[in-house]
Amino acid sequence: MKPYGKINAFTLSEVLVVLVITSIVVGIAFAVLNLVTLQLNAIRTTYARSTEVAKFKQRLLYDFDAASTVVWDLEHQHLEITTPSQHITYEVLPDYVLRDSDTLSFKVKHIDFYYQGDTVKEGSVDGMNVALEMAKKHVQFFVSRRSGARDTIERLWE
C-alpha cells in the first residue's frame, strides 16, 4: 500500500491566473499583428501609386522625346503626340488619364502647356507642367522636348 501524502500540483486559482495572463498576451500579439499588417498594406499601396506616377512620367518623357509634333486640343482635352512610327493620344480627365487604351487612375489637378517658353492654351506644345493628386499627396513634374528647326520655322510663319 501507498502512504497518503501531499501531491505536488498547481491549484485551480494558479491555473486560472496563468490562463488569464496568456489570453492577455495573445490578444496584444494579435492587435500588434493587425497594426503591422495595416501599415504594410498602406506602404504597399503608397509604393504602387508612386510607381504608377513614375511610370506615367517616364512614358510621357519618352513620348515627348520621340515626338515630331505635340498638339494640345483644349476642347476635347486631348494631347496628341505624333512620332515617326505611331500616333499617341492622351485624354486628360479629372479622375484619370487615358493613354490610347491604358487607364492611369489619378486625379489631375492642373496642366500648364508651353511652347517655346510661352504659356499656351492649345495648339503646338513643347513643354508641360503636370500637377497630380494621389492619396491626398500632390505630385508635380515638368516634361519638355527640344524644338527643332521645323518647329521654329512653323512658328515664324504663323
C-alpha atoms as a PDB file:
ATOM      1  CA  MET A   1       0.000   0.000   0.000  1.00  0.00           C
ATOM      2  CA  LYS A   2       0.998   3.560  -0.658  1.00  0.00           C
ATOM      3  CA  PRO A   3       1.235   6.022   2.081  1.00  0.00           C
ATOM      4  CA  TYR A   4      -1.033   9.044   1.824  1.00  0.00           C
ATOM      5  CA  GLY A   5       0.837  12.272   1.230  1.00  0.00           C
ATOM      6  CA  LYS A   6       0.758  15.580  -0.498  1.00  0.00           C
ATOM      7  CA  ILE A   7       0.966  15.538  -4.320  1.00  0.00           C
ATOM      8  CA  ASN A   8       2.870  18.405  -5.945  1.00  0.00           C
ATOM      9  CA  ALA A   9       0.424  20.213  -8.247  1.00  0.00           C
ATOM     10  CA  PHE A  10      -0.967  23.640  -9.135  1.00  0.00           C
ATOM     11  CA  THR A  11      -4.090  24.911  -7.552  1.00  0.00           C
ATOM     12  CA  LEU A  12      -7.106  25.867  -9.638  1.00  0.00           C
ATOM     13  CA  SER A  13      -6.593  29.581  -8.944  1.00  0.00           C
ATOM     14  CA  GLU A  14      -2.967  29.425 -10.136  1.00  0.00           C
ATOM     15  CA  VAL A  15      -4.042  27.765 -13.407  1.00  0.00           C
ATOM     16  CA  LEU A  16      -6.746  30.398 -13.943  1.00  0.00           C
ATOM     17  CA  VAL A  17      -4.244  33.233 -13.382  1.00  0.00           C
ATOM     18  CA  VAL A  18      -1.894  31.683 -15.976  1.00  0.00           C
ATOM     19  CA  LEU A  19      -4.768  31.350 -18.476  1.00  0.00           C
ATOM     20  CA  VAL A  20      -5.819  34.991 -17.995  1.00  0.00           C
ATOM     21  CA  ILE A  21      -2.249  36.248 -18.434  1.00  0.00           C
ATOM     22  CA  THR A  22      -1.770  34.056 -21.530  1.00  0.00           C
ATOM     23  CA  SER A  23      -5.008  35.296 -23.099  1.00  0.00           C
ATOM     24  CA  ILE A  24      -3.962  38.933 -22.494  1.00  0.00           C
ATOM     25  CA  VAL A  25      -0.552  38.340 -24.135  1.00  0.00           C
ATOM     26  CA  VAL A  26      -2.149  36.560 -27.130  1.00  0.00           C
ATOM     27  CA  GLY A  27      -4.706  39.400 -27.505  1.00  0.00           C
ATOM     28  CA  ILE A  28      -1.918  42.015 -27.514  1.00  0.00           C
ATOM     29  CA  ALA A  29       0.055  39.955 -30.043  1.00  0.00           C
ATOM     30  CA  PHE A  30      -2.915  39.782 -32.429  1.00  0.00           C
ATOM     31  CA  ALA A  31      -3.563  43.519 -32.049  1.00  0.00           C
ATOM     32  CA  VAL A  32       0.073  44.293 -32.886  1.00  0.00           C
ATOM     33  CA  LEU A  33      -0.045  41.872 -35.835  1.00  0.00           C
ATOM     34  CA  ASN A  34      -3.152  43.656 -37.126  1.00  0.00           C
ATOM     35  CA  LEU A  35      -1.419  47.070 -36.853  1.00  0.00           C
ATOM     36  CA  VAL A  36       1.681  45.802 -38.640  1.00  0.00           C
ATOM     37  CA  THR A  37      -0.470  44.307 -41.413  1.00  0.00           C
ATOM     38  CA  LEU A  38      -2.338  47.601 -41.871  1.00  0.00           C
ATOM     39  CA  GLN A  39       0.962  49.511 -42.062  1.00  0.00           C
ATOM     40  CA  LEU A  40       2.391  47.086 -44.628  1.00  0.00           C
ATOM     41  CA  ASN A  41      -0.745  47.397 -46.763  1.00  0.00           C
ATOM     42  CA  ALA A  42      -0.524  51.203 -46.589  1.00  0.00           C
ATOM     43  CA  ILE A  43       3.147  51.096 -47.578  1.00  0.00           C
ATOM     44  CA  ARG A  44       2.366  48.706 -50.445  1.00  0.00           C
ATOM     45  CA  THR A  45      -0.434  50.965 -51.717  1.00  0.00           C
ATOM     46  CA  THR A  46       1.709  54.094 -51.491  1.00  0.00           C
ATOM     47  CA  TYR A  47       4.561  52.364 -53.315  1.00  0.00           C
ATOM     48  CA  ALA A  48       2.228  51.137 -56.062  1.00  0.00           C
ATOM     49  CA  ARG A  49       0.782  54.620 -56.573  1.00  0.00           C
ATOM     50  CA  SER A  50       4.161  56.348 -56.623  1.00  0.00           C
ATOM     51  CA  THR A  51       5.411  53.716 -59.063  1.00  0.00           C
ATOM     52  CA  GLU A  52       2.398  54.398 -61.271  1.00  0.00           C
ATOM     53  CA  VAL A  53       3.169  58.134 -61.280  1.00  0.00           C
ATOM     54  CA  ALA A  54       6.850  57.460 -62.022  1.00  0.00           C
ATOM     55  CA  LYS A  55       5.913  55.179 -64.925  1.00  0.00           C
ATOM     56  CA  PHE A  56       3.480  57.800 -66.254  1.00  0.00           C
ATOM     57  CA  LYS A  57       6.163  60.480 -66.068  1.00  0.00           C
ATOM     58  CA  GLN A  58       8.731  58.216 -67.724  1.00  0.00           C
ATOM     59  CA  ARG A  59       6.306  57.251 -70.504  1.00  0.00           C
ATOM     60  CA  LEU A  60       5.361  60.884 -71.071  1.00  0.00           C
ATOM     61  CA  LEU A  61       9.032  61.889 -71.212  1.00  0.00           C
ATOM     62  CA  TYR A  62       9.737  59.117 -73.712  1.00  0.00           C
ATOM     63  CA  ASP A  63       6.755  60.070 -75.882  1.00  0.00           C
ATOM     64  CA  PHE A  64       7.717  63.760 -75.775  1.00  0.00           C
ATOM     65  CA  ASP A  65      11.325  62.984 -76.647  1.00  0.00           C
ATOM     66  CA  ALA A  66      10.384  60.774 -79.607  1.00  0.00           C
ATOM     67  CA  ALA A  67       7.676  63.132 -80.883  1.00  0.00           C
ATOM     68  CA  SER A  68       7.835  65.032 -84.112  1.00  0.00           C
ATOM     69  CA  THR A  69       4.729  67.028 -83.141  1.00  0.00           C
ATOM     70  CA  VAL A  70       2.809  67.506 -79.899  1.00  0.00           C
ATOM     71  CA  VAL A  71      -0.580  69.237 -80.043  1.00  0.00           C
ATOM     72  CA  TRP A  72      -2.992  70.043 -77.202  1.00  0.00           C
ATOM     73  CA  ASP A  73      -6.694  70.127 -78.100  1.00  0.00           C
ATOM     74  CA  LEU A  74      -8.421  72.174 -75.396  1.00  0.00           C
ATOM     75  CA  GLU A  75     -11.981  71.398 -76.476  1.00  0.00           C
ATOM     76  CA  HIS A  76     -11.580  67.609 -76.282  1.00  0.00           C
ATOM     77  CA  GLN A  77      -8.866  67.624 -73.582  1.00  0.00           C
ATOM     78  CA  HIS A  78      -6.562  65.563 -75.814  1.00  0.00           C
ATOM     79  CA  LEU A  79      -2.800  65.651 -76.064  1.00  0.00           C
ATOM     80  CA  GLU A  80      -1.863  64.235 -79.448  1.00  0.00           C
ATOM     81  CA  ILE A  81       1.713  63.111 -79.919  1.00  0.00           C
ATOM     82  CA  THR A  82       2.904  62.086 -83.347  1.00  0.00           C
ATOM     83  CA  THR A  83       6.132  60.127 -83.724  1.00  0.00           C
ATOM     84  CA  PRO A  84       7.608  58.779 -86.935  1.00  0.00           C
ATOM     85  CA  SER A  85       6.202  55.332 -86.141  1.00  0.00           C
ATOM     86  CA  GLN A  86       2.961  55.958 -84.233  1.00  0.00           C
ATOM     87  CA  HIS A  87       0.219  58.337 -83.140  1.00  0.00           C
ATOM     88  CA  ILE A  88      -0.384  58.559 -79.367  1.00  0.00           C
ATOM     89  CA  THR A  89      -3.361  60.225 -77.700  1.00  0.00           C
ATOM     90  CA  TYR A  90      -3.551  61.231 -74.044  1.00  0.00           C
ATOM     91  CA  GLU A  91      -7.065  62.101 -72.918  1.00  0.00           C
ATOM     92  CA  VAL A  92      -6.964  64.110 -69.689  1.00  0.00           C
ATOM     93  CA  LEU A  93      -9.999  63.723 -67.453  1.00  0.00           C
ATOM     94  CA  PRO A  94     -10.395  64.924 -63.839  1.00  0.00           C
ATOM     95  CA  ASP A  95     -10.161  61.464 -62.226  1.00  0.00           C
ATOM     96  CA  TYR A  96      -7.916  59.622 -64.677  1.00  0.00           C
ATOM     97  CA  VAL A  97      -5.798  59.851 -67.818  1.00  0.00           C
ATOM     98  CA  LEU A  98      -6.225  57.638 -70.869  1.00  0.00           C
ATOM     99  CA  ARG A  99      -3.146  56.861 -72.935  1.00  0.00           C
ATOM    100  CA  ASP A 100      -4.582  55.255 -76.044  1.00  0.00           C
ATOM    101  CA  SER A 101      -6.417  52.387 -74.279  1.00  0.00           C
ATOM    102  CA  ASP A 102      -4.485  52.389 -70.983  1.00  0.00           C
ATOM    103  CA  THR A 103      -6.200  53.920 -67.966  1.00  0.00           C
ATOM    104  CA  LEU A 104      -3.988  55.717 -65.453  1.00  0.00           C
ATOM    105  CA  SER A 105      -6.019  56.369 -62.334  1.00  0.00           C
ATOM    106  CA  PHE A 106      -5.001  59.541 -60.569  1.00  0.00           C
ATOM    107  CA  LYS A 107      -6.574  62.957 -60.271  1.00  0.00           C
ATOM    108  CA  VAL A 108      -5.170  65.671 -62.475  1.00  0.00           C
ATOM    109  CA  LYS A 109      -5.145  68.957 -60.562  1.00  0.00           C
ATOM    110  CA  HIS A 110      -3.958  71.072 -63.472  1.00  0.00           C
ATOM    111  CA  ILE A 111      -1.714  71.032 -66.526  1.00  0.00           C
ATOM    112  CA  ASP A 112       0.041  74.065 -67.941  1.00  0.00           C
ATOM    113  CA  PHE A 113       1.237  73.903 -71.543  1.00  0.00           C
ATOM    114  CA  TYR A 114       4.188  75.772 -73.014  1.00  0.00           C
ATOM    115  CA  TYR A 115       5.523  76.449 -76.464  1.00  0.00           C
ATOM    116  CA  GLN A 116       8.998  77.959 -76.718  1.00  0.00           C
ATOM    117  CA  GLY A 117       8.775  79.384 -73.220  1.00  0.00           C
ATOM    118  CA  ASP A 118       5.328  80.943 -73.574  1.00  0.00           C
ATOM    119  CA  THR A 119       2.179  79.610 -71.925  1.00  0.00           C
ATOM    120  CA  VAL A 120      -0.342  78.370 -74.486  1.00  0.00           C
ATOM    121  CA  LYS A 121      -3.954  77.283 -74.130  1.00  0.00           C
ATOM    122  CA  GLU A 122      -3.987  74.983 -77.171  1.00  0.00           C
ATOM    123  CA  GLY A 123      -2.037  74.112 -80.281  1.00  0.00           C
ATOM    124  CA  SER A 124       1.609  73.089 -80.560  1.00  0.00           C
ATOM    125  CA  VAL A 125       3.309  72.211 -77.285  1.00  0.00           C
ATOM    126  CA  ASP A 126       6.936  71.636 -76.347  1.00  0.00           C
ATOM    127  CA  GLY A 127       6.569  71.509 -72.562  1.00  0.00           C
ATOM    128  CA  MET A 128       4.016  70.828 -69.899  1.00  0.00           C
ATOM    129  CA  ASN A 129       3.812  71.216 -66.156  1.00  0.00           C
ATOM    130  CA  VAL A 130       1.664  68.450 -64.637  1.00  0.00           C
ATOM    131  CA  ALA A 131       0.172  68.508 -61.129  1.00  0.00           C
ATOM    132  CA  LEU A 132      -1.429  65.295 -59.875  1.00  0.00           C
ATOM    133  CA  GLU A 133      -3.095  64.287 -56.634  1.00  0.00           C
ATOM    134  CA  MET A 134      -2.668  60.781 -55.293  1.00  0.00           C
ATOM    135  CA  ALA A 135      -3.896  59.738 -51.852  1.00  0.00           C
ATOM    136  CA  LYS A 136      -4.076  63.391 -50.753  1.00  0.00           C
ATOM    137  CA  LYS A 137      -0.462  63.972 -51.826  1.00  0.00           C
ATOM    138  CA  HIS A 138       0.417  66.428 -54.545  1.00  0.00           C
ATOM    139  CA  VAL A 139       2.891  65.363 -57.217  1.00  0.00           C
ATOM    140  CA  GLN A 140       4.227  67.858 -59.722  1.00  0.00           C
ATOM    141  CA  PHE A 141       6.637  67.416 -62.608  1.00  0.00           C
ATOM    142  CA  PHE A 142       7.700  69.121 -65.825  1.00  0.00           C
ATOM    143  CA  VAL A 143       8.058  67.424 -69.207  1.00  0.00           C
ATOM    144  CA  SER A 144       9.615  69.067 -72.240  1.00  0.00           C
ATOM    145  CA  ARG A 145      11.167  68.358 -75.601  1.00  0.00           C
ATOM    146  CA  ARG A 146      13.615  70.190 -77.771  1.00  0.00           C
ATOM    147  CA  SER A 147      12.194  72.187 -80.615  1.00  0.00           C
ATOM    148  CA  GLY A 148      13.720  71.533 -83.972  1.00  0.00           C
ATOM    149  CA  ALA A 149      14.308  73.859 -86.889  1.00  0.00           C
ATOM    150  CA  ARG A 150      10.980  72.810 -88.402  1.00  0.00           C
ATOM    151  CA  ASP A 151       9.103  73.965 -85.282  1.00  0.00           C
ATOM    152  CA  THR A 152      10.893  77.303 -85.307  1.00  0.00           C
ATOM    153  CA  ILE A 153      10.112  77.915 -88.988  1.00  0.00           C
ATOM    154  CA  GLU A 154       6.446  76.954 -88.498  1.00  0.00           C
ATOM    155  CA  ARG A 155       6.204  79.382 -85.589  1.00  0.00           C
ATOM    156  CA  LEU A 156       7.750  82.194 -87.663  1.00  0.00           C
ATOM    157  CA  TRP A 157       5.231  81.574 -90.452  1.00  0.00           C
ATOM    158  CA  GLU A 158       2.252  81.750 -88.059  1.00  0.00           C
END
